[in-house]
Amino acid sequence: MLIREIHLKEAAEEKIQEHGVVEREAEEALLRDEPKYFKARNGRYMGIGVAQRFITVIFEYADGIATIVTAYPSSKSQIKLYHRK
């Protein structure tokens, strides 16, 4: 998956802050250090990557643009999934 641009849905910024994640972390998780991508529900994707810590990002993807829906610190099972792929 080639992500050329990252957008943040309006409602997502407040939502990710509630999870203790800042926009920069979510962007870094999708772009740095070989993130892993998985299909999620409703035509969305889940990206697990590392900013200062493991971050899981739920996003929509079209034409090289990832639109972040939400992001949160990765759970232990998500970190295991990251290492398995």
C-alpha atoms as a PDB file:
ATOM      1  CA  MET A   1       0.000   0.000   0.000  1.00  0.00           C
ATOM      2  CA  LEU A   2       1.453   3.332  -1.056  1.00  0.00           C
ATOM      3  CA  ILE A   3       0.305   6.267   1.038  1.00  0.00           C
ATOM      4  CA  ARG A   4       1.164   9.599  -0.572  1.00  0.00           C
ATOM      5  CA  GLU A   5      -0.976  11.862   1.621  1.00  0.00           C
ATOM      6  CA  ILE A   6      -2.638  11.664   4.989  1.00  0.00           C
ATOM      7  CA  HIS A   7      -5.820  13.513   5.878  1.00  0.00           C
ATOM      8  CA  LEU A   8      -7.577  13.625   9.216  1.00  0.00           C
ATOM      9  CA  LYS A   9     -11.358  13.511   9.394  1.00  0.00           C
ATOM     10  CA  GLU A  10     -12.734  16.484  11.315  1.00  0.00           C
ATOM     11  CA  ALA A  11     -14.170  14.406  14.139  1.00  0.00           C
ATOM     12  CA  ALA A  12     -11.049  12.227  14.298  1.00  0.00           C
ATOM     13  CA  GLU A  13      -8.705  14.811  15.801  1.00  0.00           C
ATOM     14  CA  GLU A  14     -10.700  15.066  19.019  1.00  0.00           C
ATOM     15  CA  LYS A  15     -11.252  11.304  19.049  1.00  0.00           C
ATOM     16  CA  ILE A  16      -7.550  10.445  18.810  1.00  0.00           C
ATOM     17  CA  GLN A  17      -6.692  13.012  21.495  1.00  0.00           C
ATOM     18  CA  GLU A  18      -9.154  11.242  23.806  1.00  0.00           C
ATOM     19  CA  HIS A  19      -7.065   8.104  23.225  1.00  0.00           C
ATOM     20  CA  GLY A  20      -3.887   9.997  24.166  1.00  0.00           C
ATOM     21  CA  VAL A  21      -2.534  10.134  20.603  1.00  0.00           C
ATOM     22  CA  VAL A  22      -1.525  13.267  18.702  1.00  0.00           C
ATOM     23  CA  GLU A  23      -1.914  13.706  14.953  1.00  0.00           C
ATOM     24  CA  ARG A  24       1.855  13.531  14.336  1.00  0.00           C
ATOM     25  CA  GLU A  25       2.035  10.103  16.021  1.00  0.00           C
ATOM     26  CA  ALA A  26      -0.776   8.759  13.856  1.00  0.00           C
ATOM     27  CA  GLU A  27       0.920  10.031  10.694  1.00  0.00           C
ATOM     28  CA  GLU A  28       4.299   8.599  11.702  1.00  0.00           C
ATOM     29  CA  ALA A  29       2.723   5.228  12.486  1.00  0.00           C
ATOM     30  CA  LEU A  30       1.452   5.023   8.895  1.00  0.00           C
ATOM     31  CA  LEU A  31       4.651   6.188   7.228  1.00  0.00           C
ATOM     32  CA  ARG A  32       7.744   5.250   9.294  1.00  0.00           C
ATOM     33  CA  ASP A  33       9.584   2.012   9.968  1.00  0.00           C
ATOM     34  CA  GLU A  34       7.591  -0.408   7.843  1.00  0.00           C
ATOM     35  CA  PRO A  35       4.033  -0.195   9.162  1.00  0.00           C
ATOM     36  CA  LYS A  36       1.807  -3.242   8.697  1.00  0.00           C
ATOM     37  CA  TYR A  37      -1.582  -2.879   7.033  1.00  0.00           C
ATOM     38  CA  PHE A  38      -4.666  -5.052   7.431  1.00  0.00           C
ATOM     39  CA  LYS A  39      -8.182  -4.942   6.041  1.00  0.00           C
ATOM     40  CA  ALA A  40     -10.741  -3.853   8.606  1.00  0.00           C
ATOM     41  CA  ARG A  41     -14.524  -3.542   8.632  1.00  0.00           C
ATOM     42  CA  ASN A  42     -16.633  -1.291   6.430  1.00  0.00           C
ATOM     43  CA  GLY A  43     -13.999  -1.015   3.687  1.00  0.00           C
ATOM     44  CA  ARG A  44     -11.482   0.537   6.052  1.00  0.00           C
ATOM     45  CA  TYR A  45      -7.935  -0.444   6.900  1.00  0.00           C
ATOM     46  CA  MET A  46      -5.966  -0.845  10.092  1.00  0.00           C
ATOM     47  CA  GLY A  47      -2.354   0.235  10.155  1.00  0.00           C
ATOM     48  CA  ILE A  48      -0.033  -0.672  13.007  1.00  0.00           C
ATOM     49  CA  GLY A  49       3.205   1.223  13.211  1.00  0.00           C
ATOM     50  CA  VAL A  50       5.739   2.745  15.530  1.00  0.00           C
ATOM     51  CA  ALA A  51       5.990   6.413  16.420  1.00  0.00           C
ATOM     52  CA  GLN A  52       7.516   6.588  19.918  1.00  0.00           C
ATOM     53  CA  ARG A  53       5.298   3.608  20.731  1.00  0.00           C
ATOM     54  CA  PHE A  54       3.052   1.226  18.803  1.00  0.00           C
ATOM     55  CA  ILE A  55       0.034   3.050  17.396  1.00  0.00           C
ATOM     56  CA  THR A  56      -2.973   1.516  15.646  1.00  0.00           C
ATOM     57  CA  VAL A  57      -4.629   3.719  13.032  1.00  0.00           C
ATOM     58  CA  ILE A  58      -8.002   3.039  11.421  1.00  0.00           C
ATOM     59  CA  PHE A  59      -8.260   4.771   8.063  1.00  0.00           C
ATOM     60  CA  GLU A  60      -9.981   4.900   4.702  1.00  0.00           C
ATOM     61  CA  TYR A  61      -7.793   4.607   1.614  1.00  0.00           C
ATOM     62  CA  ALA A  62      -8.346   5.802  -1.945  1.00  0.00           C
ATOM     63  CA  ASP A  63      -5.954   6.931  -4.672  1.00  0.00           C
ATOM     64  CA  GLY A  64      -2.931   7.074  -2.376  1.00  0.00           C
ATOM     65  CA  ILE A  65      -4.719   9.138   0.272  1.00  0.00           C
ATOM     66  CA  ALA A  66      -5.225   7.747   3.770  1.00  0.00           C
ATOM     67  CA  THR A  67      -7.983   9.490   5.714  1.00  0.00           C
ATOM     68  CA  ILE A  68      -7.616   8.793   9.415  1.00  0.00           C
ATOM     69  CA  VAL A  69     -10.815   7.835  11.203  1.00  0.00           C
ATOM     70  CA  THR A  70      -9.253   7.124  14.619  1.00  0.00           C
ATOM     71  CA  ALA A  71      -5.950   6.163  16.225  1.00  0.00           C
ATOM     72  CA  TYR A  72      -5.039   4.721  19.602  1.00  0.00           C
ATOM     73  CA  PRO A  73      -2.162   2.978  21.394  1.00  0.00           C
ATOM     74  CA  SER A  74      -1.872  -0.597  20.134  1.00  0.00           C
ATOM     75  CA  SER A  75      -3.025  -3.453  22.331  1.00  0.00           C
ATOM     76  CA  LYS A  76      -0.749  -6.388  23.151  1.00  0.00           C
ATOM     77  CA  SER A  77      -2.563  -8.558  20.604  1.00  0.00           C
ATOM     78  CA  GLN A  78      -2.127  -5.907  17.903  1.00  0.00           C
ATOM     79  CA  ILE A  79       1.594  -5.678  18.651  1.00  0.00           C
ATOM     80  CA  LYS A  80       1.839  -9.479  18.312  1.00  0.00           C
ATOM     81  CA  LEU A  81      -0.023  -9.230  14.984  1.00  0.00           C
ATOM     82  CA  TYR A  82       2.479  -6.592  13.842  1.00  0.00           C
ATOM     83  CA  HIS A  83       5.431  -8.866  14.622  1.00  0.00           C
ATOM     84  CA  ARG A  84       3.817 -11.883  12.907  1.00  0.00           C
ATOM     85  CA  LYS A  85       3.270 -10.184   9.558  1.00  0.00           C
END
